[in-house]
């Protein structure tokens, strides 16, 4: 199953989010608890971690890019060779991740 990693809408519509760094490369295996990416808002630094194992299959933003709540940031899959959906056909399931806010 392919799932999508989404910037949480709970941050608020007017919040700007900047991707600081990716902690995993495309194609890299991810374990539950692994850091996936780090982003910042005007009020917080946020580390996003996986809640289940899989493979980071596709990243849609580069480090330094600006995003907004609701944007799909990446696709992760359970199996590394699982077929990916078409570019504009996002997976239906949002992934559960943890957010460590500092």
PDB file of N, CA and C in Angstrom:
ATOM      1  N   UNK A   1       0.833  -1.175   0.000  1.00  0.00           N
ATOM      2  CA  UNK A   1       0.000   0.000   0.000  1.00  0.00           C
ATOM      3  C   UNK A   1       0.882   1.244   0.000  1.00  0.00           C
ATOM      4  N   UNK A   2       0.529   2.208  -0.825  1.00  0.00           N
ATOM      5  CA  UNK A   2       1.231   3.485  -0.891  1.00  0.00           C
ATOM      6  C   UNK A   2       0.429   4.497  -0.095  1.00  0.00           C
ATOM      7  N   UNK A   3       1.083   5.242   0.770  1.00  0.00           N
ATOM      8  CA  UNK A   3       0.436   6.275   1.567  1.00  0.00           C
ATOM      9  C   UNK A   3       1.107   7.614   1.339  1.00  0.00           C
ATOM     10  N   UNK A   4       0.410   8.673   1.690  1.00  0.00           N
ATOM     11  CA  UNK A   4       0.964  10.012   1.480  1.00  0.00           C
ATOM     12  C   UNK A   4       1.291  10.673   2.815  1.00  0.00           C
ATOM     13  N   UNK A   5       2.362  11.425   2.815  1.00  0.00           N
ATOM     14  CA  UNK A   5       2.765  12.225   3.959  1.00  0.00           C
ATOM     15  C   UNK A   5       2.310  13.648   3.673  1.00  0.00           C
ATOM     16  N   UNK A   6       1.472  14.199   4.557  1.00  0.00           N
ATOM     17  CA  UNK A   6       0.832  15.497   4.343  1.00  0.00           C
ATOM     18  C   UNK A   6       1.213  16.457   5.470  1.00  0.00           C
ATOM     19  N   UNK A   7       1.488  17.712   5.106  1.00  0.00           N
ATOM     20  CA  UNK A   7       1.693  18.744   6.127  1.00  0.00           C
ATOM     21  C   UNK A   7       0.341  18.934   6.825  1.00  0.00           C
ATOM     22  N   UNK A   8       0.302  18.815   8.152  1.00  0.00           N
ATOM     23  CA  UNK A   8      -0.990  18.843   8.858  1.00  0.00           C
ATOM     24  C   UNK A   8      -1.743  20.165   8.696  1.00  0.00           C
ATOM     25  N   UNK A   9      -3.021  20.047   8.367  1.00  0.00           N
ATOM     26  CA  UNK A   9      -3.879  21.220   8.215  1.00  0.00           C
ATOM     27  C   UNK A   9      -4.118  21.917   9.548  1.00  0.00           C
ATOM     28  N   UNK A  10      -3.907  21.203  10.641  1.00  0.00           N
ATOM     29  CA  UNK A  10      -4.108  21.773  11.977  1.00  0.00           C
ATOM     30  C   UNK A  10      -3.147  22.925  12.270  1.00  0.00           C
ATOM     31  N   UNK A  11      -2.102  23.076  11.452  1.00  0.00           N
ATOM     32  CA  UNK A  11      -1.181  24.194  11.637  1.00  0.00           C
ATOM     33  C   UNK A  11      -1.859  25.521  11.329  1.00  0.00           C
ATOM     34  N   UNK A  12      -2.904  25.482  10.512  1.00  0.00           N
ATOM     35  CA  UNK A  12      -3.622  26.705  10.142  1.00  0.00           C
ATOM     36  C   UNK A  12      -3.328  27.100   8.706  1.00  0.00           C
ATOM     37  N   UNK A  13      -4.321  27.640   8.040  1.00  0.00           N
ATOM     38  CA  UNK A  13      -4.192  27.970   6.623  1.00  0.00           C
ATOM     39  C   UNK A  13      -3.172  29.065   6.338  1.00  0.00           C
ATOM     40  N   UNK A  14      -2.973  29.980   7.260  1.00  0.00           N
ATOM     41  CA  UNK A  14      -2.086  31.112   6.998  1.00  0.00           C
ATOM     42  C   UNK A  14      -0.624  30.837   7.341  1.00  0.00           C
ATOM     43  N   UNK A  15      -0.335  29.655   7.834  1.00  0.00           N
ATOM     44  CA  UNK A  15       1.038  29.305   8.231  1.00  0.00           C
ATOM     45  C   UNK A  15       1.871  28.962   7.000  1.00  0.00           C
ATOM     46  N   UNK A  16       3.093  29.507   6.942  1.00  0.00           N
ATOM     47  CA  UNK A  16       4.044  29.115   5.913  1.00  0.00           C
ATOM     48  C   UNK A  16       4.995  28.099   6.523  1.00  0.00           C
ATOM     49  N   UNK A  17       5.302  27.066   5.753  1.00  0.00           N
ATOM     50  CA  UNK A  17       6.139  25.964   6.215  1.00  0.00           C
ATOM     51  C   UNK A  17       7.320  25.837   5.259  1.00  0.00           C
ATOM     52  N   UNK A  18       8.544  25.819   5.806  1.00  0.00           N
ATOM     53  CA  UNK A  18       9.732  25.671   4.962  1.00  0.00           C
ATOM     54  C   UNK A  18      10.417  24.354   5.291  1.00  0.00           C
ATOM     55  N   UNK A  19      10.660  23.549   4.273  1.00  0.00           N
ATOM     56  CA  UNK A  19      11.346  22.277   4.436  1.00  0.00           C
ATOM     57  C   UNK A  19      12.821  22.541   4.682  1.00  0.00           C
ATOM     58  N   UNK A  20      13.314  22.143   5.852  1.00  0.00           N
ATOM     59  CA  UNK A  20      14.709  22.367   6.188  1.00  0.00           C
ATOM     60  C   UNK A  20      15.605  21.248   5.683  1.00  0.00           C
ATOM     61  N   UNK A  21      15.207  20.001   5.964  1.00  0.00           N
ATOM     62  CA  UNK A  21      16.032  18.889   5.497  1.00  0.00           C
ATOM     63  C   UNK A  21      15.252  17.589   5.430  1.00  0.00           C
ATOM     64  N   UNK A  22      15.662  16.765   4.489  1.00  0.00           N
ATOM     65  CA  UNK A  22      15.174  15.398   4.413  1.00  0.00           C
ATOM     66  C   UNK A  22      16.127  14.541   5.223  1.00  0.00           C
ATOM     67  N   UNK A  23      15.589  13.633   6.011  1.00  0.00           N
ATOM     68  CA  UNK A  23      16.410  12.719   6.805  1.00  0.00           C
ATOM     69  C   UNK A  23      16.562  11.366   6.115  1.00  0.00           C
ATOM     70  N   UNK A  24      15.769  11.129   5.079  1.00  0.00           N
ATOM     71  CA  UNK A  24      15.813   9.898   4.295  1.00  0.00           C
ATOM     72  C   UNK A  24      15.801  10.248   2.808  1.00  0.00           C
ATOM     73  N   UNK A  25      16.519   9.447   2.022  1.00  0.00           N
ATOM     74  CA  UNK A  25      16.558   9.627   0.573  1.00  0.00           C
ATOM     75  C   UNK A  25      15.457   8.810  -0.087  1.00  0.00           C
ATOM     76  N   UNK A  26      15.092   9.184  -1.314  1.00  0.00           N
ATOM     77  CA  UNK A  26      14.140   8.377  -2.065  1.00  0.00           C
ATOM     78  C   UNK A  26      14.700   6.968  -2.214  1.00  0.00           C
ATOM     79  N   UNK A  27      13.840   5.974  -1.989  1.00  0.00           N
ATOM     80  CA  UNK A  27      14.252   4.584  -2.092  1.00  0.00           C
ATOM     81  C   UNK A  27      14.817   4.003  -0.807  1.00  0.00           C
ATOM     82  N   UNK A  28      15.018   4.830   0.194  1.00  0.00           N
ATOM     83  CA  UNK A  28      15.598   4.373   1.453  1.00  0.00           C
ATOM     84  C   UNK A  28      14.537   3.748   2.355  1.00  0.00           C
ATOM     85  N   UNK A  29      14.919   2.671   3.034  1.00  0.00           N
ATOM     86  CA  UNK A  29      14.035   2.008   3.985  1.00  0.00           C
ATOM     87  C   UNK A  29      13.830   2.903   5.203  1.00  0.00           C
ATOM     88  N   UNK A  30      12.634   2.818   5.778  1.00  0.00           N
ATOM     89  CA  UNK A  30      12.253   3.614   6.944  1.00  0.00           C
ATOM     90  C   UNK A  30      11.736   2.652   8.010  1.00  0.00           C
ATOM     91  N   UNK A  31      12.216   2.801   9.225  1.00  0.00           N
ATOM     92  CA  UNK A  31      11.704   2.026  10.361  1.00  0.00           C
ATOM     93  C   UNK A  31      10.761   2.905  11.170  1.00  0.00           C
ATOM     94  N   UNK A  32       9.858   2.282  11.908  1.00  0.00           N
ATOM     95  CA  UNK A  32       8.978   3.047  12.797  1.00  0.00           C
ATOM     96  C   UNK A  32       9.852   3.848  13.756  1.00  0.00           C
ATOM     97  N   UNK A  33       9.567   5.129  13.869  1.00  0.00           N
ATOM     98  CA  UNK A  33      10.341   6.009  14.738  1.00  0.00           C
ATOM     99  C   UNK A  33      11.446   6.767  14.034  1.00  0.00           C
ATOM    100  N   UNK A  34      11.780   6.391  12.791  1.00  0.00           N
ATOM    101  CA  UNK A  34      12.818   7.109  12.043  1.00  0.00           C
ATOM    102  C   UNK A  34      12.350   8.512  11.675  1.00  0.00           C
ATOM    103  N   UNK A  35      13.251   9.461  11.765  1.00  0.00           N
ATOM    104  CA  UNK A  35      12.967  10.818  11.307  1.00  0.00           C
ATOM    105  C   UNK A  35      12.896  10.815   9.785  1.00  0.00           C
ATOM    106  N   UNK A  36      11.873  11.482   9.235  1.00  0.00           N
ATOM    107  CA  UNK A  36      11.697  11.575   7.787  1.00  0.00           C
ATOM    108  C   UNK A  36      12.132  12.928   7.242  1.00  0.00           C
ATOM    109  N   UNK A  37      11.717  13.979   7.922  1.00  0.00           N
ATOM    110  CA  UNK A  37      12.053  15.325   7.479  1.00  0.00           C
ATOM    111  C   UNK A  37      11.913  16.302   8.633  1.00  0.00           C
ATOM    112  N   UNK A  38      12.468  17.468   8.410  1.00  0.00           N
ATOM    113  CA  UNK A  38      12.381  18.540   9.399  1.00  0.00           C
ATOM    114  C   UNK A  38      11.894  19.790   8.670  1.00  0.00           C
ATOM    115  N   UNK A  39      10.886  20.472   9.268  1.00  0.00           N
ATOM    116  CA  UNK A  39      10.425  21.725   8.688  1.00  0.00           C
ATOM    117  C   UNK A  39      10.260  22.766   9.783  1.00  0.00           C
ATOM    118  N   UNK A  40      10.153  24.022   9.347  1.00  0.00           N
ATOM    119  CA  UNK A  40       9.958  25.107  10.306  1.00  0.00           C
ATOM    120  C   UNK A  40       8.788  25.964   9.883  1.00  0.00           C
ATOM    121  N   UNK A  41       8.163  26.549  10.901  1.00  0.00           N
ATOM    122  CA  UNK A  41       7.150  27.571  10.696  1.00  0.00           C
ATOM    123  C   UNK A  41       7.697  28.833  11.353  1.00  0.00           C
ATOM    124  N   UNK A  42       6.911  29.884  11.368  1.00  0.00           N
ATOM    125  CA  UNK A  42       7.382  31.103  12.028  1.00  0.00           C
ATOM    126  C   UNK A  42       7.459  30.939  13.543  1.00  0.00           C
ATOM    127  N   UNK A  43       6.863  29.858  14.072  1.00  0.00           N
ATOM    128  CA  UNK A  43       6.819  29.680  15.520  1.00  0.00           C
ATOM    129  C   UNK A  43       7.491  28.415  16.037  1.00  0.00           C
ATOM    130  N   UNK A  44       7.803  27.464  15.154  1.00  0.00           N
ATOM    131  CA  UNK A  44       8.296  26.182  15.653  1.00  0.00           C
ATOM    132  C   UNK A  44       9.196  25.482  14.644  1.00  0.00           C
ATOM    133  N   UNK A  45      10.043  24.623  15.173  1.00  0.00           N
ATOM    134  CA  UNK A  45      10.849  23.695  14.402  1.00  0.00           C
ATOM    135  C   UNK A  45      10.227  22.318  14.612  1.00  0.00           C
ATOM    136  N   UNK A  46       9.924  21.593  13.527  1.00  0.00           N
ATOM    137  CA  UNK A  46       9.169  20.343  13.629  1.00  0.00           C
ATOM    138  C   UNK A  46       9.939  19.208  12.974  1.00  0.00           C
ATOM    139  N   UNK A  47      10.113  18.108  13.707  1.00  0.00           N
ATOM    140  CA  UNK A  47      10.716  16.887  13.194  1.00  0.00           C
ATOM    141  C   UNK A  47       9.600  15.875  12.975  1.00  0.00           C
ATOM    142  N   UNK A  48       9.486  15.364  11.762  1.00  0.00           N
ATOM    143  CA  UNK A  48       8.440  14.409  11.402  1.00  0.00           C
ATOM    144  C   UNK A  48       9.036  13.011  11.378  1.00  0.00           C
ATOM    145  N   UNK A  49       8.418  12.081  12.131  1.00  0.00           N
ATOM    146  CA  UNK A  49       8.913  10.706  12.213  1.00  0.00           C
ATOM    147  C   UNK A  49       7.844   9.719  11.759  1.00  0.00           C
ATOM    148  N   UNK A  50       8.289   8.590  11.199  1.00  0.00           N
ATOM    149  CA  UNK A  50       7.381   7.540  10.732  1.00  0.00           C
ATOM    150  C   UNK A  50       6.821   6.768  11.916  1.00  0.00           C
ATOM    151  N   UNK A  51       5.596   6.262  11.761  1.00  0.00           N
ATOM    152  CA  UNK A  51       5.004   5.430  12.805  1.00  0.00           C
ATOM    153  C   UNK A  51       4.982   3.960  12.420  1.00  0.00           C
ATOM    154  N   UNK A  52       5.389   3.665  11.178  1.00  0.00           N
ATOM    155  CA  UNK A  52       5.457   2.268  10.741  1.00  0.00           C
ATOM    156  C   UNK A  52       6.572   2.137   9.702  1.00  0.00           C
ATOM    157  N   UNK A  53       7.058   0.920   9.485  1.00  0.00           N
ATOM    158  CA  UNK A  53       8.148   0.732   8.516  1.00  0.00           C
ATOM    159  C   UNK A  53       7.669   0.828   7.078  1.00  0.00           C
ATOM    160  N   UNK A  54       8.597   1.061   6.181  1.00  0.00           N
ATOM    161  CA  UNK A  54       8.294   1.130   4.758  1.00  0.00           C
ATOM    162  C   UNK A  54       9.478   1.677   3.983  1.00  0.00           C
ATOM    163  N   UNK A  55       9.185   2.224   2.817  1.00  0.00           N
ATOM    164  CA  UNK A  55      10.203   2.797   1.942  1.00  0.00           C
ATOM    165  C   UNK A  55       9.748   4.184   1.509  1.00  0.00           C
ATOM    166  N   UNK A  56      10.645   5.163   1.609  1.00  0.00           N
ATOM    167  CA  UNK A  56      10.346   6.510   1.107  1.00  0.00           C
ATOM    168  C   UNK A  56      10.466   6.446  -0.412  1.00  0.00           C
ATOM    169  N   UNK A  57       9.348   6.563  -1.091  1.00  0.00           N
ATOM    170  CA  UNK A  57       9.332   6.323  -2.534  1.00  0.00           C
ATOM    171  C   UNK A  57       9.457   7.577  -3.380  1.00  0.00           C
ATOM    172  N   UNK A  58       8.823   8.666  -2.960  1.00  0.00           N
ATOM    173  CA  UNK A  58       8.827   9.875  -3.792  1.00  0.00           C
ATOM    174  C   UNK A  58       8.773  11.090  -2.896  1.00  0.00           C
ATOM    175  N   UNK A  59       9.684  12.032  -3.137  1.00  0.00           N
ATOM    176  CA  UNK A  59       9.672  13.309  -2.431  1.00  0.00           C
ATOM    177  C   UNK A  59       9.219  14.381  -3.415  1.00  0.00           C
ATOM    178  N   UNK A  60       8.283  15.240  -2.993  1.00  0.00           N
ATOM    179  CA  UNK A  60       7.727  16.255  -3.878  1.00  0.00           C
ATOM    180  C   UNK A  60       8.303  17.648  -3.666  1.00  0.00           C
ATOM    181  N   UNK A  61       9.085  17.833  -2.625  1.00  0.00           N
ATOM    182  CA  UNK A  61       9.687  19.137  -2.335  1.00  0.00           C
ATOM    183  C   UNK A  61      11.169  18.965  -2.049  1.00  0.00           C
ATOM    184  N   UNK A  62      11.924  19.997  -2.355  1.00  0.00           N
ATOM    185  CA  UNK A  62      13.361  20.020  -2.080  1.00  0.00           C
ATOM    186  C   UNK A  62      13.619  20.818  -0.805  1.00  0.00           C
ATOM    187  N   UNK A  63      14.762  20.601  -0.210  1.00  0.00           N
ATOM    188  CA  UNK A  63      15.140  21.373   0.972  1.00  0.00           C
ATOM    189  C   UNK A  63      15.144  22.853   0.619  1.00  0.00           C
ATOM    190  N   UNK A  64      14.545  23.663   1.478  1.00  0.00           N
ATOM    191  CA  UNK A  64      14.444  25.097   1.253  1.00  0.00           C
ATOM    192  C   UNK A  64      13.126  25.527   0.622  1.00  0.00           C
ATOM    193  N   UNK A  65      12.360  24.563   0.081  1.00  0.00           N
ATOM    194  CA  UNK A  65      11.071  24.888  -0.539  1.00  0.00           C
ATOM    195  C   UNK A  65      10.045  25.288   0.518  1.00  0.00           C
ATOM    196  N   UNK A  66       9.121  26.157   0.107  1.00  0.00           N
ATOM    197  CA  UNK A  66       8.001  26.571   0.952  1.00  0.00           C
ATOM    198  C   UNK A  66       6.788  25.707   0.640  1.00  0.00           C
ATOM    199  N   UNK A  67       6.071  25.312   1.675  1.00  0.00           N
ATOM    200  CA  UNK A  67       4.884  24.475   1.545  1.00  0.00           C
ATOM    201  C   UNK A  67       3.778  25.105   2.377  1.00  0.00           C
ATOM    202  N   UNK A  68       2.570  24.526   2.250  1.00  0.00           N
ATOM    203  CA  UNK A  68       1.469  25.002   3.086  1.00  0.00           C
ATOM    204  C   UNK A  68       0.739  23.793   3.666  1.00  0.00           C
ATOM    205  N   UNK A  69       0.029  23.980   4.763  1.00  0.00           N
ATOM    206  CA  UNK A  69      -0.735  22.875   5.345  1.00  0.00           C
ATOM    207  C   UNK A  69      -1.658  22.237   4.309  1.00  0.00           C
ATOM    208  N   UNK A  70      -1.683  20.910   4.297  1.00  0.00           N
ATOM    209  CA  UNK A  70      -2.475  20.155   3.335  1.00  0.00           C
ATOM    210  C   UNK A  70      -1.676  19.664   2.144  1.00  0.00           C
ATOM    211  N   UNK A  71      -0.476  20.207   1.933  1.00  0.00           N
ATOM    212  CA  UNK A  71       0.355  19.767   0.807  1.00  0.00           C
ATOM    213  C   UNK A  71       0.868  18.347   1.033  1.00  0.00           C
ATOM    214  N   UNK A  72       0.862  17.551  -0.042  1.00  0.00           N
ATOM    215  CA  UNK A  72       1.457  16.213  -0.001  1.00  0.00           C
ATOM    216  C   UNK A  72       2.961  16.380  -0.204  1.00  0.00           C
ATOM    217  N   UNK A  73       3.725  15.904   0.766  1.00  0.00           N
ATOM    218  CA  UNK A  73       5.171  16.084   0.771  1.00  0.00           C
ATOM    219  C   UNK A  73       5.889  14.874   0.172  1.00  0.00           C
ATOM    220  N   UNK A  74       5.352  13.670   0.438  1.00  0.00           N
ATOM    221  CA  UNK A  74       6.032  12.451  -0.010  1.00  0.00           C
ATOM    222  C   UNK A  74       5.061  11.290  -0.074  1.00  0.00           C
ATOM    223  N   UNK A  75       5.480  10.243  -0.797  1.00  0.00           N
ATOM    224  CA  UNK A  75       4.781   8.968  -0.801  1.00  0.00           C
ATOM    225  C   UNK A  75       5.685   7.935  -0.166  1.00  0.00           C
ATOM    226  N   UNK A  76       5.101   7.103   0.676  1.00  0.00           N
ATOM    227  CA  UNK A  76       5.804   5.969   1.279  1.00  0.00           C
ATOM    228  C   UNK A  76       5.023   4.702   0.960  1.00  0.00           C
ATOM    229  N   UNK A  77       5.754   3.596   0.821  1.00  0.00           N
ATOM    230  CA  UNK A  77       5.081   2.331   0.535  1.00  0.00           C
ATOM    231  C   UNK A  77       5.566   1.258   1.494  1.00  0.00           C
ATOM    232  N   UNK A  78       4.742   0.229   1.643  1.00  0.00           N
ATOM    233  CA  UNK A  78       5.116  -0.888   2.508  1.00  0.00           C
ATOM    234  C   UNK A  78       6.238  -1.697   1.879  1.00  0.00           C
ATOM    235  N   UNK A  79       6.185  -1.906   0.561  1.00  0.00           N
ATOM    236  CA  UNK A  79       7.183  -2.684  -0.161  1.00  0.00           C
ATOM    237  C   UNK A  79       7.991  -1.770  -1.088  1.00  0.00           C
ATOM    238  N   UNK A  80       9.307  -1.976  -1.206  1.00  0.00           N
ATOM    239  CA  UNK A  80      10.132  -1.089  -2.028  1.00  0.00           C
ATOM    240  C   UNK A  80       9.846  -1.163  -3.523  1.00  0.00           C
ATOM    241  N   UNK A  81       9.253  -2.259  -3.997  1.00  0.00           N
ATOM    242  CA  UNK A  81       8.984  -2.416  -5.426  1.00  0.00           C
ATOM    243  C   UNK A  81       7.500  -2.283  -5.770  1.00  0.00           C
ATOM    244  N   UNK A  82       6.728  -1.800  -4.824  1.00  0.00           N
ATOM    245  CA  UNK A  82       5.288  -1.621  -5.036  1.00  0.00           C
ATOM    246  C   UNK A  82       5.048  -0.564  -6.122  1.00  0.00           C
ATOM    247  N   UNK A  83       4.138  -0.819  -7.058  1.00  0.00           N
ATOM    248  CA  UNK A  83       3.872   0.176  -8.110  1.00  0.00           C
ATOM    249  C   UNK A  83       3.350   1.490  -7.515  1.00  0.00           C
ATOM    250  N   UNK A  84       3.840   2.593  -8.059  1.00  0.00           N
ATOM    251  CA  UNK A  84       3.386   3.910  -7.616  1.00  0.00           C
ATOM    252  C   UNK A  84       2.221   4.368  -8.481  1.00  0.00           C
ATOM    253  N   UNK A  85       1.313   5.158  -7.906  1.00  0.00           N
ATOM    254  CA  UNK A  85       0.207   5.702  -8.702  1.00  0.00           C
ATOM    255  C   UNK A  85       0.735   6.725  -9.707  1.00  0.00           C
ATOM    256  N   UNK A  86      -0.114   7.109 -10.645  1.00  0.00           N
ATOM    257  CA  UNK A  86       0.245   8.151 -11.603  1.00  0.00           C
ATOM    258  C   UNK A  86       0.568   9.440 -10.846  1.00  0.00           C
ATOM    259  N   UNK A  87       1.361  10.278 -11.468  1.00  0.00           N
ATOM    260  CA  UNK A  87       1.853  11.507 -10.836  1.00  0.00           C
ATOM    261  C   UNK A  87       0.762  12.338 -10.165  1.00  0.00           C
ATOM    262  N   UNK A  88      -0.356  12.535 -10.824  1.00  0.00           N
ATOM    263  CA  UNK A  88      -1.408  13.391 -10.283  1.00  0.00           C
ATOM    264  C   UNK A  88      -2.519  12.608  -9.588  1.00  0.00           C
ATOM    265  N   UNK A  89      -2.290  11.324  -9.342  1.00  0.00           N
ATOM    266  CA  UNK A  89      -3.282  10.471  -8.682  1.00  0.00           C
ATOM    267  C   UNK A  89      -2.758  10.101  -7.294  1.00  0.00           C
ATOM    268  N   UNK A  90      -2.937  10.987  -6.342  1.00  0.00           N
ATOM    269  CA  UNK A  90      -2.377  10.792  -5.003  1.00  0.00           C
ATOM    270  C   UNK A  90      -3.011   9.594  -4.302  1.00  0.00           C
ATOM    271  N   UNK A  91      -2.229   8.874  -3.504  1.00  0.00           N
ATOM    272  CA  UNK A  91      -2.794   7.777  -2.714  1.00  0.00           C
ATOM    273  C   UNK A  91      -3.900   8.288  -1.797  1.00  0.00           C
ATOM    274  N   UNK A  92      -4.811   7.421  -1.476  1.00  0.00           N
ATOM    275  CA  UNK A  92      -5.975   7.815  -0.681  1.00  0.00           C
ATOM    276  C   UNK A  92      -5.674   7.921   0.798  1.00  0.00           C
ATOM    277  N   UNK A  93      -4.735   7.142   1.301  1.00  0.00           N
ATOM    278  CA  UNK A  93      -4.532   7.085   2.742  1.00  0.00           C
ATOM    279  C   UNK A  93      -3.431   8.038   3.208  1.00  0.00           C
ATOM    280  N   UNK A  94      -3.776   8.891   4.167  1.00  0.00           N
ATOM    281  CA  UNK A  94      -2.765   9.709   4.827  1.00  0.00           C
ATOM    282  C   UNK A  94      -2.005   8.818   5.795  1.00  0.00           C
ATOM    283  N   UNK A  95      -0.707   9.008   5.873  1.00  0.00           N
ATOM    284  CA  UNK A  95       0.104   8.233   6.797  1.00  0.00           C
ATOM    285  C   UNK A  95       0.056   8.847   8.182  1.00  0.00           C
ATOM    286  N   UNK A  96       0.133   8.007   9.169  1.00  0.00           N
ATOM    287  CA  UNK A  96       0.251   8.490  10.536  1.00  0.00           C
ATOM    288  C   UNK A  96       1.724   8.730  10.821  1.00  0.00           C
ATOM    289  N   UNK A  97       2.044   9.937  11.228  1.00  0.00           N
ATOM    290  CA  UNK A  97       3.403  10.287  11.600  1.00  0.00           C
ATOM    291  C   UNK A  97       3.368  11.009  12.931  1.00  0.00           C
ATOM    292  N   UNK A  98       4.519  11.124  13.554  1.00  0.00           N
ATOM    293  CA  UNK A  98       4.600  11.890  14.790  1.00  0.00           C
ATOM    294  C   UNK A  98       5.341  13.181  14.515  1.00  0.00           C
ATOM    295  N   UNK A  99       4.968  14.216  15.226  1.00  0.00           N
ATOM    296  CA  UNK A  99       5.580  15.534  15.066  1.00  0.00           C
ATOM    297  C   UNK A  99       6.187  15.948  16.392  1.00  0.00           C
ATOM    298  N   UNK A 100       7.512  16.130  16.410  1.00  0.00           N
ATOM    299  CA  UNK A 100       8.201  16.637  17.592  1.00  0.00           C
ATOM    300  C   UNK A 100       8.427  18.125  17.367  1.00  0.00           C
ATOM    301  N   UNK A 101       7.754  18.952  18.140  1.00  0.00           N
ATOM    302  CA  UNK A 101       7.801  20.392  17.951  1.00  0.00           C
ATOM    303  C   UNK A 101       8.684  21.018  19.027  1.00  0.00           C
ATOM    304  N   UNK A 102       9.636  21.865  18.550  1.00  0.00           N
ATOM    305  CA  UNK A 102      10.499  22.590  19.494  1.00  0.00           C
ATOM    306  C   UNK A 102      10.396  24.078  19.252  1.00  0.00           C
TER     307      UNK A 102
END
